[in-house]
């Protein structure tokens, strides 16, 4: 079992870990493609989602390194879609409307995973502190967690804390400090092997990679269960697996 008597705290990633952000993006990309890619057959909308999720050009990670603003990375990615799927390139004014539509659809799509609320409650019942650490901005993640009924986590650390995000070890260390736990007795759970689980281990925490069936990002993101196992990183398929005996997962 991953959660044992030695664990003092659990920190969760938010997107695609506690919140079904892939589902929210699927809804959003369908809305955006219908309006901004009018020549694209709706049967190809999953390709738009896949391209957005993979972010093969690394614009979002440039944002987490402090190299691009949230608006800049989203505009770059939007125009990458427009180019790839025969849409009109968006200037600043056109992008303002695209971005407004994007955020409205994205908020409409926010939903927690079915087990998220229960796992937080169960950890608390066991006397374990629970927090969240995300590579997105504070305002959006605060709204998202509240909308999903998860806004009562003990602490929330975001990109705004230092202006850079995971895997920078400072954000993990700061989250543990705010949580008030020992790094070696704190688990970090996230859906990106390199950024989340490996980043946590490099900062002195215990890393867990949640590899949800059918929900991998693709593109440049490392997604190797074998590599995780070789590094001693636990791999789970959903959050309930945190409390399941290890033998039952094999």
Protein backbone atom coordinates (compact mmCIF):
# COMPACT_ATOMS: atom_id res chain seq x y z
CA UNK A 1 0.00 0.00 0.00
CA UNK A 2 1.37 3.43 -0.96
CA UNK A 3 -0.28 5.26 1.94
CA UNK A 4 1.10 3.67 5.11
CA UNK A 5 1.68 4.74 8.72
CA UNK A 6 4.81 6.70 7.77
CA UNK A 7 2.99 9.15 5.49
CA UNK A 8 2.35 12.60 7.00
CA UNK A 9 1.09 14.42 3.95
CA UNK A 10 -0.10 13.99 0.37
CA UNK A 11 0.23 16.70 -2.25
CA UNK A 12 -1.78 16.40 -5.43
CA UNK A 13 -1.35 17.87 -8.86
CA UNK A 14 -4.72 19.30 -9.98
CA UNK A 15 -5.16 18.95 -13.74
CA UNK A 16 -5.75 15.36 -14.84
CA UNK A 17 -5.07 14.21 -11.28
CA UNK A 18 -7.91 15.62 -9.14
CA UNK A 19 -9.80 17.31 -11.99
CA UNK A 20 -10.69 15.76 -15.35
CA UNK A 21 -8.98 18.47 -17.35
CA UNK A 22 -8.72 16.27 -20.42
CA UNK A 23 -12.52 16.10 -20.45
CA UNK A 24 -12.72 19.86 -20.00
CA UNK A 25 -10.32 20.40 -22.89
CA UNK A 26 -12.28 17.97 -25.07
CA UNK A 27 -15.40 20.07 -24.51
CA UNK A 28 -13.45 23.30 -25.07
CA UNK A 29 -11.74 22.18 -28.26
CA UNK A 30 -15.05 21.02 -29.73
CA UNK A 31 -16.49 24.48 -29.07
CA UNK A 32 -13.43 26.26 -30.46
CA UNK A 33 -13.13 24.07 -33.54
CA UNK A 34 -16.78 24.54 -34.43
CA UNK A 35 -16.36 28.33 -34.36
CA UNK A 36 -12.76 28.93 -35.45
CA UNK A 37 -12.08 25.95 -37.73
CA UNK A 38 -15.29 25.96 -39.79
CA UNK A 39 -13.77 23.96 -42.67
CA UNK A 40 -12.75 21.10 -40.40
CA UNK A 41 -14.91 17.97 -40.35
CA UNK A 42 -16.20 17.35 -36.81
CA UNK A 43 -14.84 13.79 -37.04
CA UNK A 44 -11.37 15.36 -36.76
CA UNK A 45 -12.07 17.29 -33.57
CA UNK A 46 -10.23 14.62 -31.50
CA UNK A 47 -7.09 15.52 -33.49
CA UNK A 48 -7.44 19.11 -32.30
CA UNK A 49 -7.68 17.93 -28.72
CA UNK A 50 -4.66 15.64 -29.15
CA UNK A 51 -2.55 18.48 -30.55
CA UNK A 52 -3.58 20.84 -27.77
CA UNK A 53 -2.85 18.25 -25.08
CA UNK A 54 0.49 17.16 -26.50
CA UNK A 55 1.80 20.73 -26.88
CA UNK A 56 4.72 19.33 -28.86
CA UNK A 57 6.26 22.78 -29.30
CA UNK A 58 6.53 23.15 -25.53
CA UNK A 59 4.73 26.49 -25.17
CA UNK A 60 3.10 25.58 -21.85
CA UNK A 61 6.35 24.37 -20.36
CA UNK A 62 7.96 27.64 -21.47
CA UNK A 63 5.21 29.35 -19.46
CA UNK A 64 6.01 27.24 -16.39
CA UNK A 65 9.67 28.27 -16.73
CA UNK A 66 8.66 31.94 -16.72
CA UNK A 67 9.55 32.45 -20.38
CA UNK A 68 6.03 33.18 -21.66
CA UNK A 69 2.94 34.71 -20.07
CA UNK A 70 -0.26 32.69 -19.81
CA UNK A 71 -1.73 34.73 -22.67
CA UNK A 72 1.36 34.34 -24.85
CA UNK A 73 1.54 30.57 -24.53
CA UNK A 74 -2.17 30.18 -25.20
CA UNK A 75 -2.02 32.45 -28.27
CA UNK A 76 0.94 30.51 -29.65
CA UNK A 77 -0.91 27.23 -29.17
CA UNK A 78 -4.14 28.61 -30.63
CA UNK A 79 -2.38 29.75 -33.78
CA UNK A 80 -0.57 26.42 -34.01
CA UNK A 81 -4.02 24.80 -34.18
CA UNK A 82 -5.25 27.37 -36.70
CA UNK A 83 -2.29 26.66 -38.96
CA UNK A 84 -2.49 22.88 -38.64
CA UNK A 85 -6.23 22.69 -39.34
CA UNK A 86 -6.65 25.33 -42.07
CA UNK A 87 -8.03 28.11 -39.91
CA UNK A 88 -7.42 31.85 -40.02
CA UNK A 89 -4.43 33.13 -38.08
CA UNK A 90 -5.50 35.07 -34.99
CA UNK A 91 -4.19 38.59 -34.45
CA UNK A 92 -4.34 40.20 -31.02
CA UNK A 93 -7.95 41.33 -31.37
CA UNK A 94 -9.15 38.03 -32.82
CA UNK A 95 -7.29 36.12 -30.14
CA UNK A 96 -8.97 38.16 -27.41
CA UNK A 97 -12.32 36.75 -28.56
CA UNK A 98 -10.87 33.25 -29.02
CA UNK A 99 -9.49 33.37 -25.49
CA UNK A 100 -12.77 34.61 -24.02
CA UNK A 101 -14.61 31.76 -25.73
CA UNK A 102 -11.94 29.30 -24.63
CA UNK A 103 -12.17 30.25 -20.96
CA UNK A 104 -15.97 30.18 -20.93
CA UNK A 105 -16.05 26.68 -22.43
CA UNK A 106 -13.17 25.50 -20.22
CA UNK A 107 -14.97 26.56 -17.03
CA UNK A 108 -18.13 24.82 -18.21
CA UNK A 109 -16.14 21.60 -18.54
CA UNK A 110 -14.53 21.51 -15.08
CA UNK A 111 -15.40 18.30 -13.22
CA UNK A 112 -13.55 16.30 -10.57
CA UNK A 113 -12.71 12.65 -11.02
CA UNK A 114 -15.26 10.46 -9.26
CA UNK A 115 -12.86 9.40 -6.51
CA UNK A 116 -11.21 12.79 -5.81
CA UNK A 117 -13.53 13.94 -3.02
CA UNK A 118 -13.57 10.55 -1.31
CA UNK A 119 -9.80 10.13 -1.34
CA UNK A 120 -9.25 13.55 0.23
CA UNK A 121 -11.79 12.76 2.94
CA UNK A 122 -10.24 9.35 3.60
CA UNK A 123 -6.74 10.78 3.90
CA UNK A 124 -7.98 13.41 6.32
CA UNK A 125 -9.76 10.74 8.36
CA UNK A 126 -6.40 9.01 8.71
CA UNK A 127 -4.80 12.19 10.05
CA UNK A 128 -2.89 12.91 6.84
CA UNK A 129 -2.54 16.50 5.65
CA UNK A 130 -3.65 17.18 2.07
CA UNK A 131 -2.54 19.93 -0.30
CA UNK A 132 -2.31 20.76 -3.99
CA UNK A 133 0.60 21.92 -6.14
CA UNK A 134 -0.06 23.04 -9.69
CA UNK A 135 1.79 24.55 -12.63
CA UNK A 136 -1.16 26.83 -13.47
CA UNK A 137 -2.01 30.22 -12.00
CA UNK A 138 -3.52 30.78 -8.57
CA UNK A 139 -6.75 32.48 -9.64
CA UNK A 140 -7.70 29.80 -12.15
CA UNK A 141 -6.78 26.90 -9.89
CA UNK A 142 -8.61 28.40 -6.90
CA UNK A 143 -11.74 28.78 -9.04
CA UNK A 144 -11.33 25.29 -10.50
CA UNK A 145 -10.91 23.58 -7.14
CA UNK A 146 -13.92 25.44 -5.72
CA UNK A 147 -16.07 24.60 -8.76
CA UNK A 148 -15.17 20.93 -8.33
CA UNK A 149 -15.93 20.87 -4.60
CA UNK A 150 -12.26 20.46 -3.68
CA UNK A 151 -11.46 23.94 -2.43
CA UNK A 152 -10.88 22.83 1.17
CA UNK A 153 -7.37 21.39 0.68
CA UNK A 154 -5.00 22.54 3.39
CA UNK A 155 -2.68 24.46 1.06
CA UNK A 156 -2.47 25.40 -2.61
CA UNK A 157 0.85 26.25 -4.27
CA UNK A 158 0.85 27.43 -7.90
CA UNK A 159 3.07 28.89 -10.58
CA UNK A 160 2.59 32.32 -9.02
CA UNK A 161 4.53 31.34 -5.89
CA UNK A 162 7.98 31.70 -7.50
CA UNK A 163 7.09 32.55 -11.10
CA UNK A 164 8.26 29.09 -12.18
CA UNK A 165 6.66 25.70 -11.77
CA UNK A 166 7.45 22.03 -11.45
CA UNK A 167 9.95 20.39 -11.74
CA UNK A 168 11.79 23.27 -10.03
CA UNK A 169 12.48 21.77 -6.57
CA UNK A 170 11.64 25.05 -4.83
CA UNK A 171 7.93 24.65 -5.45
CA UNK A 172 7.88 21.16 -3.95
CA UNK A 173 9.91 22.29 -0.94
CA UNK A 174 7.64 25.30 -0.40
CA UNK A 175 4.51 23.16 -0.63
CA UNK A 176 5.87 20.78 2.00
CA UNK A 177 6.86 23.69 4.22
CA UNK A 178 3.36 25.14 4.05
CA UNK A 179 1.83 21.73 4.62
CA UNK A 180 4.00 21.32 7.72
CA UNK A 181 5.25 17.83 6.92
CA UNK A 182 8.57 16.06 6.45
CA UNK A 183 9.61 15.85 2.79
CA UNK A 184 10.59 12.20 3.10
CA UNK A 185 7.16 11.46 4.57
CA UNK A 186 5.21 13.39 1.94
CA UNK A 187 3.82 11.89 -1.27
CA UNK A 188 3.30 13.87 -4.46
CA UNK A 189 0.80 12.49 -6.97
CA UNK A 190 0.65 13.77 -10.54
CA UNK A 191 -0.10 12.71 -14.10
CA UNK A 192 3.24 13.68 -15.68
CA UNK A 193 6.08 11.27 -14.98
CA UNK A 194 8.96 13.69 -15.48
CA UNK A 195 7.43 16.93 -14.21
CA UNK A 196 5.44 15.47 -11.31
CA UNK A 197 6.73 12.15 -9.98
CA UNK A 198 10.38 12.54 -10.93
CA UNK A 199 10.39 16.21 -9.97
CA UNK A 200 9.02 15.28 -6.54
CA UNK A 201 11.65 12.59 -6.01
CA UNK A 202 14.42 14.99 -7.00
CA UNK A 203 13.11 17.42 -4.35
CA UNK A 204 13.18 14.75 -1.65
CA UNK A 205 9.51 13.70 -1.69
CA UNK A 206 7.98 10.36 -2.62
CA UNK A 207 6.75 10.46 -6.21
CA UNK A 208 3.65 8.71 -7.53
CA UNK A 209 2.68 8.80 -11.20
CA UNK A 210 -1.03 8.47 -11.96
CA UNK A 211 -1.24 6.91 -15.41
CA UNK A 212 -4.96 6.90 -16.14
CA UNK A 213 -5.98 4.42 -18.87
CA UNK A 214 -6.63 6.21 -22.15
CA UNK A 215 -5.68 9.62 -20.81
CA UNK A 216 -2.02 10.01 -21.70
CA UNK A 217 -0.97 13.32 -23.22
CA UNK A 218 1.19 11.99 -26.04
CA UNK A 219 3.66 14.15 -27.91
CA UNK A 220 6.92 14.94 -26.12
CA UNK A 221 5.72 13.82 -22.69
CA UNK A 222 7.57 10.85 -21.21
CA UNK A 223 5.11 8.06 -20.43
CA UNK A 224 7.10 4.94 -19.56
CA UNK A 225 5.86 2.68 -16.79
CA UNK A 226 9.08 0.68 -17.07
CA UNK A 227 11.20 3.80 -16.48
CA UNK A 228 9.07 4.71 -13.46
CA UNK A 229 9.46 1.24 -11.97
CA UNK A 230 13.24 1.29 -12.47
CA UNK A 231 13.39 4.55 -10.52
CA UNK A 232 11.22 3.27 -7.68
CA UNK A 233 8.31 5.53 -8.62
CA UNK A 234 4.91 4.02 -7.86
CA UNK A 235 2.44 3.92 -10.77
CA UNK A 236 -1.31 3.99 -10.16
CA UNK A 237 -4.34 3.97 -12.47
CA UNK A 238 -6.64 6.04 -10.25
CA UNK A 239 -6.48 7.75 -6.88
CA UNK A 240 -8.11 4.86 -5.03
CA UNK A 241 -4.97 2.83 -5.78
CA UNK A 242 -3.16 4.91 -3.18
CA UNK A 243 -5.00 2.91 -0.54
CA UNK A 244 -4.92 -0.51 -2.20
CA UNK A 245 -2.45 -3.22 -1.21
CA UNK A 246 0.43 -3.26 -3.68
CA UNK A 247 -0.04 -6.95 -4.44
CA UNK A 248 -3.56 -6.20 -5.65
CA UNK A 249 -2.19 -3.84 -8.31
CA UNK A 250 0.11 -6.37 -9.98
